[in-house]
C-alpha cells in the first residue's frame, strides 16, 4: 500500500469538504494569491474540517482568525490581504464582499474606535504596532477597492464610502458627493441609509466643527455615545462603524431561496 499516496488523498478529500462558502473562498484565494498565503489561509486549505461548520459558523471562525474579537494582533495585517482579495472578486456573493469591506473598515479604525470607547484610559487590548500595520495594510488595498465603485452593488458601495473617509484623498473626497447623490434622493434623513450617507459626506468635508456637531446630534438620537473629551475623528469613526453595521445588516440579509 502506498501510504504517502493514501495520506495525500485523505488530505485532498478533507480540503474538498466543508461548507460551500469555504470552498468558494478557497478557490478565489488560490487564484488571486497563489504565491503568498497568510497564516489565516490555513482555514481554507488545511485538512481540518469542523463537522459543525455550516456557512455561518465557518465565516465567524474565519473572520475571527483575521480580526480577533475586533482587536489587532501581529498577524492581522497579513490576513487582511485575504479580505481584500475576496472583496474584489465577482464570484463572491455581494453580502460577503460587503462583509469583507466592512471588516477592512473595522481593522483600519480599531485604534480610534476603541479609544473612543475607553477614554480617557488606554484600551485594554491595545497593540499600537499591530494596529498601525493593519491600518497601513488596508490603505494599500483601498485604491483597488474604490476603483470597483461603478460595478458594485449598493450595499458594497456604502461600505466603500466608509472606507473612503477613513483614507481621504483629494480625488476620493470630491467624488463622494456625486457617487452618493442617488442614495440621498432615495433615502431621506432619518432613515438608516439616509443618515449614514449624509454623515459620510460631513466627514468628507473635513471640518472638525461640522463633524463634531453631526456626531453629537446623531449620537443623541440613536447611537451609543462617547465621552466629549474624545478626539473628534475617533468619536466620528466610532459612530460611523455603528451606522455601517446597521446598514449592512439590512442590505446584506440573505433573501429566501438564496
Protein backbone atom coordinates (compact mmCIF):
# COMPACT_ATOMS: atom_id res chain seq x y z
CA UNK A 1 0.00 0.00 0.00
CA UNK A 2 1.31 3.44 -0.91
CA UNK A 3 0.83 5.21 2.41
CA UNK A 4 2.08 8.54 1.03
CA UNK A 5 -0.50 8.47 -1.76
CA UNK A 6 -3.20 7.49 0.72
CA UNK A 7 -2.27 10.35 3.00
CA UNK A 8 -2.34 12.80 0.09
CA UNK A 9 -5.75 11.51 -0.99
CA UNK A 10 -7.06 11.92 2.55
CA UNK A 11 -5.76 15.47 2.65
CA UNK A 12 -7.30 16.25 -0.75
CA UNK A 13 -10.65 14.82 0.35
CA UNK A 14 -10.56 16.89 3.55
CA UNK A 15 -9.75 20.09 1.71
CA UNK A 16 -12.63 19.42 -0.67
CA UNK A 17 -15.03 19.12 2.23
CA UNK A 18 -16.68 21.72 4.34
CA UNK A 19 -19.39 24.29 3.80
CA UNK A 20 -19.81 25.75 0.30
CA UNK A 21 -18.55 29.20 1.27
CA UNK A 22 -15.24 27.71 2.44
CA UNK A 23 -14.74 26.03 -0.92
CA UNK A 24 -15.61 29.22 -2.78
CA UNK A 25 -13.25 31.32 -0.67
CA UNK A 26 -10.52 28.72 -1.19
CA UNK A 27 -10.89 28.82 -4.98
CA UNK A 28 -10.79 32.61 -5.10
CA UNK A 29 -7.74 32.87 -2.85
CA UNK A 30 -5.93 30.12 -4.78
CA UNK A 31 -6.47 32.11 -7.98
CA UNK A 32 -5.62 35.53 -6.60
CA UNK A 33 -2.86 34.73 -4.09
CA UNK A 34 -1.05 31.65 -5.43
CA UNK A 35 2.38 32.66 -4.15
CA UNK A 36 1.58 34.27 -0.79
CA UNK A 37 -0.59 32.61 1.79
CA UNK A 38 -1.08 34.30 5.19
CA UNK A 39 -1.40 32.06 8.23
CA UNK A 40 -5.17 32.55 8.26
CA UNK A 41 -5.41 30.83 4.87
CA UNK A 42 -4.90 27.53 6.69
CA UNK A 43 -8.63 27.59 7.45
CA UNK A 44 -9.25 27.42 3.70
CA UNK A 45 -6.57 24.96 2.65
CA UNK A 46 -5.81 22.91 5.75
CA UNK A 47 -7.13 19.36 6.08
CA UNK A 48 -9.04 20.04 9.30
CA UNK A 49 -12.77 20.46 8.78
CA UNK A 50 -15.05 21.04 11.75
CA UNK A 51 -18.11 18.82 11.29
CA UNK A 52 -20.21 21.51 12.95
CA UNK A 53 -19.35 24.07 10.28
CA UNK A 54 -22.06 25.45 8.10
CA UNK A 55 -21.51 28.65 6.12
CA UNK A 56 -22.33 30.90 9.08
CA UNK A 57 -20.16 29.04 11.58
CA UNK A 58 -17.23 28.88 9.18
CA UNK A 59 -17.44 32.58 8.37
CA UNK A 60 -17.49 33.52 12.05
CA UNK A 61 -14.37 31.44 12.68
CA UNK A 62 -12.59 32.62 9.56
CA UNK A 63 -13.21 36.31 10.16
CA UNK A 64 -12.24 35.94 13.81
CA UNK A 65 -8.93 34.41 12.74
CA UNK A 66 -8.19 37.60 10.83
CA UNK A 67 -9.58 40.26 13.19
CA UNK A 68 -9.74 38.50 16.54
CA UNK A 69 -12.64 39.87 18.59
CA UNK A 70 -12.20 43.28 16.94
CA UNK A 71 -8.57 43.55 18.05
CA UNK A 72 -5.39 43.63 16.01
CA UNK A 73 -2.62 41.13 16.63
CA UNK A 74 0.80 40.67 14.98
CA UNK A 75 -0.59 38.59 12.08
CA UNK A 76 -3.73 40.65 11.49
CA UNK A 77 -2.15 42.83 8.80
CA UNK A 78 -1.14 39.79 6.74
CA UNK A 79 -4.62 38.28 6.95
CA UNK A 80 -6.28 41.43 5.66
CA UNK A 81 -4.92 40.62 2.20
CA UNK A 82 -7.37 37.70 2.16
CA UNK A 83 -10.29 40.05 2.75
CA UNK A 84 -9.11 42.43 0.04
CA UNK A 85 -8.83 39.57 -2.46
CA UNK A 86 -12.32 38.34 -1.64
CA UNK A 87 -13.79 41.85 -1.82
CA UNK A 88 -12.73 42.41 -5.44
CA UNK A 89 -13.82 39.08 -6.89
CA UNK A 90 -17.26 38.86 -8.51
CA UNK A 91 -17.51 35.16 -7.72
CA UNK A 92 -18.01 36.16 -4.08
CA UNK A 93 -21.68 36.97 -3.30
CA UNK A 94 -22.37 40.64 -2.64
CA UNK A 95 -23.21 40.18 1.03
CA UNK A 96 -19.79 38.58 1.60
CA UNK A 97 -17.99 41.27 -0.38
CA UNK A 98 -19.75 43.77 1.88
CA UNK A 99 -18.58 41.85 4.95
CA UNK A 100 -15.01 41.84 3.67
CA UNK A 101 -15.01 45.62 3.15
CA UNK A 102 -16.75 46.15 6.50
CA UNK A 103 -14.01 44.16 8.23
CA UNK A 104 -11.33 46.15 6.42
CA UNK A 105 -13.02 49.30 7.74
CA UNK A 106 -13.06 47.81 11.24
CA UNK A 107 -9.40 46.78 11.10
CA UNK A 108 -8.30 50.20 9.92
CA UNK A 109 -10.22 52.01 12.67
CA UNK A 110 -9.62 49.72 15.67
CA UNK A 111 -7.32 52.12 17.50
CA UNK A 112 -9.62 55.13 17.17
CA UNK A 113 -12.87 53.28 17.83
CA UNK A 114 -11.51 51.60 20.96
CA UNK A 115 -10.01 54.87 22.19
CA UNK A 116 -13.47 56.43 21.88
CA UNK A 117 -14.97 53.61 23.93
CA UNK A 118 -12.46 53.63 26.79
CA UNK A 119 -11.43 57.30 27.02
CA UNK A 120 -9.54 58.55 28.96
CA UNK A 121 -7.94 55.17 29.68
CA UNK A 122 -5.93 53.15 27.17
CA UNK A 123 -7.91 50.30 25.57
CA UNK A 124 -7.23 47.08 27.45
CA UNK A 125 -6.10 45.03 24.47
CA UNK A 126 -4.38 47.81 22.55
CA UNK A 127 -1.46 46.80 20.35
CA UNK A 128 -0.35 50.04 18.70
CA UNK A 129 2.19 48.40 16.40
CA UNK A 130 -0.23 45.78 15.11
CA UNK A 131 -2.98 48.38 14.75
CA UNK A 132 -0.73 50.67 12.73
CA UNK A 133 0.37 47.82 10.47
CA UNK A 134 -3.24 46.74 9.95
CA UNK A 135 -4.24 50.28 9.03
CA UNK A 136 -1.38 50.53 6.55
CA UNK A 137 -2.32 47.15 5.08
CA UNK A 138 -5.87 48.34 4.40
CA UNK A 139 -4.54 51.57 2.89
CA UNK A 140 -2.53 49.57 0.36
CA UNK A 141 -5.73 47.97 -0.97
CA UNK A 142 -8.05 50.97 -0.79
CA UNK A 143 -7.37 52.29 -4.30
CA UNK A 144 -8.21 48.94 -5.92
CA UNK A 145 -11.33 48.61 -3.77
CA UNK A 146 -12.63 52.09 -4.58
CA UNK A 147 -11.98 51.54 -8.28
CA UNK A 148 -14.77 48.94 -8.21
CA UNK A 149 -17.43 51.51 -7.29
CA UNK A 150 -19.09 51.65 -10.76
CA UNK A 151 -19.62 47.87 -10.87
CA UNK A 152 -20.55 47.32 -7.23
CA UNK A 153 -23.99 46.81 -5.72
CA UNK A 154 -25.43 49.50 -3.40
CA UNK A 155 -24.52 47.63 -0.20
CA UNK A 156 -20.84 47.38 -1.10
CA UNK A 157 -20.81 50.96 -2.36
CA UNK A 158 -21.96 52.13 1.06
CA UNK A 159 -19.17 50.16 2.73
CA UNK A 160 -16.66 51.63 0.28
CA UNK A 161 -17.91 55.12 1.15
CA UNK A 162 -16.99 54.49 4.76
CA UNK A 163 -13.54 53.29 3.75
CA UNK A 164 -13.08 56.40 1.58
CA UNK A 165 -13.41 58.77 4.53
CA UNK A 166 -11.03 56.70 6.65
CA UNK A 167 -8.37 57.30 3.99
CA UNK A 168 -9.32 60.65 2.42
CA UNK A 169 -7.56 61.87 -0.71
CA UNK A 170 -8.01 64.87 -2.99
CA UNK A 171 -9.53 62.51 -5.58
CA UNK A 172 -11.86 60.38 -3.48
CA UNK A 173 -13.47 63.03 -1.31
CA UNK A 174 -14.89 65.24 -4.10
CA UNK A 175 -16.16 62.12 -5.88
CA UNK A 176 -18.26 61.04 -2.92
CA UNK A 177 -20.90 63.73 -3.36
CA UNK A 178 -21.71 62.63 -6.89
CA UNK A 179 -21.45 58.96 -6.02
CA UNK A 180 -23.81 59.23 -3.07
CA UNK A 181 -26.32 61.51 -4.83
CA UNK A 182 -28.68 58.65 -5.73
CA UNK A 183 -28.65 57.34 -2.17
CA UNK A 184 -29.57 60.79 -0.85
CA UNK A 185 -32.51 61.03 -3.26
CA UNK A 186 -33.80 57.58 -2.38
CA UNK A 187 -33.16 57.61 1.38
CA UNK A 188 -34.24 60.70 3.33
CA UNK A 189 -32.72 61.94 6.53
CA UNK A 190 -33.95 59.93 9.49
CA UNK A 191 -33.52 56.57 7.77
CA UNK A 192 -30.52 54.35 8.46
CA UNK A 193 -29.07 54.69 4.97
CA UNK A 194 -30.02 58.35 4.65
CA UNK A 195 -28.31 59.28 7.91
CA UNK A 196 -25.25 57.17 7.12
CA UNK A 197 -24.77 58.74 3.68
CA UNK A 198 -25.18 62.27 5.00
CA UNK A 199 -22.75 61.60 7.83
CA UNK A 200 -20.18 60.24 5.35
CA UNK A 201 -20.48 63.50 3.42
CA UNK A 202 -19.99 65.53 6.59
CA UNK A 203 -16.78 63.58 7.28
CA UNK A 204 -15.70 64.10 3.68
CA UNK A 205 -15.90 67.88 4.18
CA UNK A 206 -13.11 67.53 6.82
CA UNK A 207 -14.46 70.30 9.02
CA UNK A 208 -13.98 69.34 12.67
CA UNK A 209 -16.74 71.64 13.89
CA UNK A 210 -19.29 70.21 11.47
CA UNK A 211 -18.13 66.68 12.22
CA UNK A 212 -18.46 67.18 15.97
CA UNK A 213 -21.90 68.76 15.64
CA UNK A 214 -23.17 65.95 13.41
CA UNK A 215 -21.66 63.29 15.66
CA UNK A 216 -23.33 64.67 18.76
CA UNK A 217 -26.68 65.17 17.01
CA UNK A 218 -26.79 61.62 15.67
CA UNK A 219 -25.47 60.09 18.88
CA UNK A 220 -28.11 61.79 20.98
CA UNK A 221 -30.79 60.43 18.71
CA UNK A 222 -29.93 56.80 18.06
CA UNK A 223 -26.45 55.58 18.90
CA UNK A 224 -24.06 54.55 21.64
CA UNK A 225 -22.30 57.72 22.67
CA UNK A 226 -18.72 58.53 23.63
CA UNK A 227 -17.15 60.98 26.07
CA UNK A 228 -16.98 64.59 24.93
CA UNK A 229 -13.23 64.69 25.55
CA UNK A 230 -12.52 62.05 22.90
CA UNK A 231 -10.79 63.42 19.78
CA UNK A 232 -13.38 64.29 17.14
CA UNK A 233 -12.15 61.84 14.49
CA UNK A 234 -12.23 58.96 16.97
CA UNK A 235 -15.77 59.82 18.04
CA UNK A 236 -16.87 60.10 14.43
CA UNK A 237 -15.36 56.77 13.36
CA UNK A 238 -16.86 55.06 16.40
CA UNK A 239 -20.27 56.32 15.31
CA UNK A 240 -19.68 55.54 11.62
CA UNK A 241 -18.80 51.95 12.50
CA UNK A 242 -22.10 51.51 14.33
CA UNK A 243 -24.02 53.01 11.44
CA UNK A 244 -22.29 50.83 8.85
CA UNK A 245 -23.07 47.71 10.86
CA UNK A 246 -26.78 48.55 10.99
CA UNK A 247 -26.93 49.50 7.31
CA UNK A 248 -25.20 46.27 6.36
CA UNK A 249 -27.49 44.13 8.48
CA UNK A 250 -30.45 45.31 6.43
CA UNK A 251 -28.86 45.33 2.99
CA UNK A 252 -26.96 42.04 3.13
CA UNK A 253 -29.52 39.82 4.85
CA UNK A 254 -29.98 36.71 2.66
CA UNK A 255 -33.34 36.53 0.89
CA UNK A 256 -35.48 33.43 0.82
CA UNK A 257 -34.26 30.98 -1.77
CA UNK A 258 -30.71 32.39 -1.90
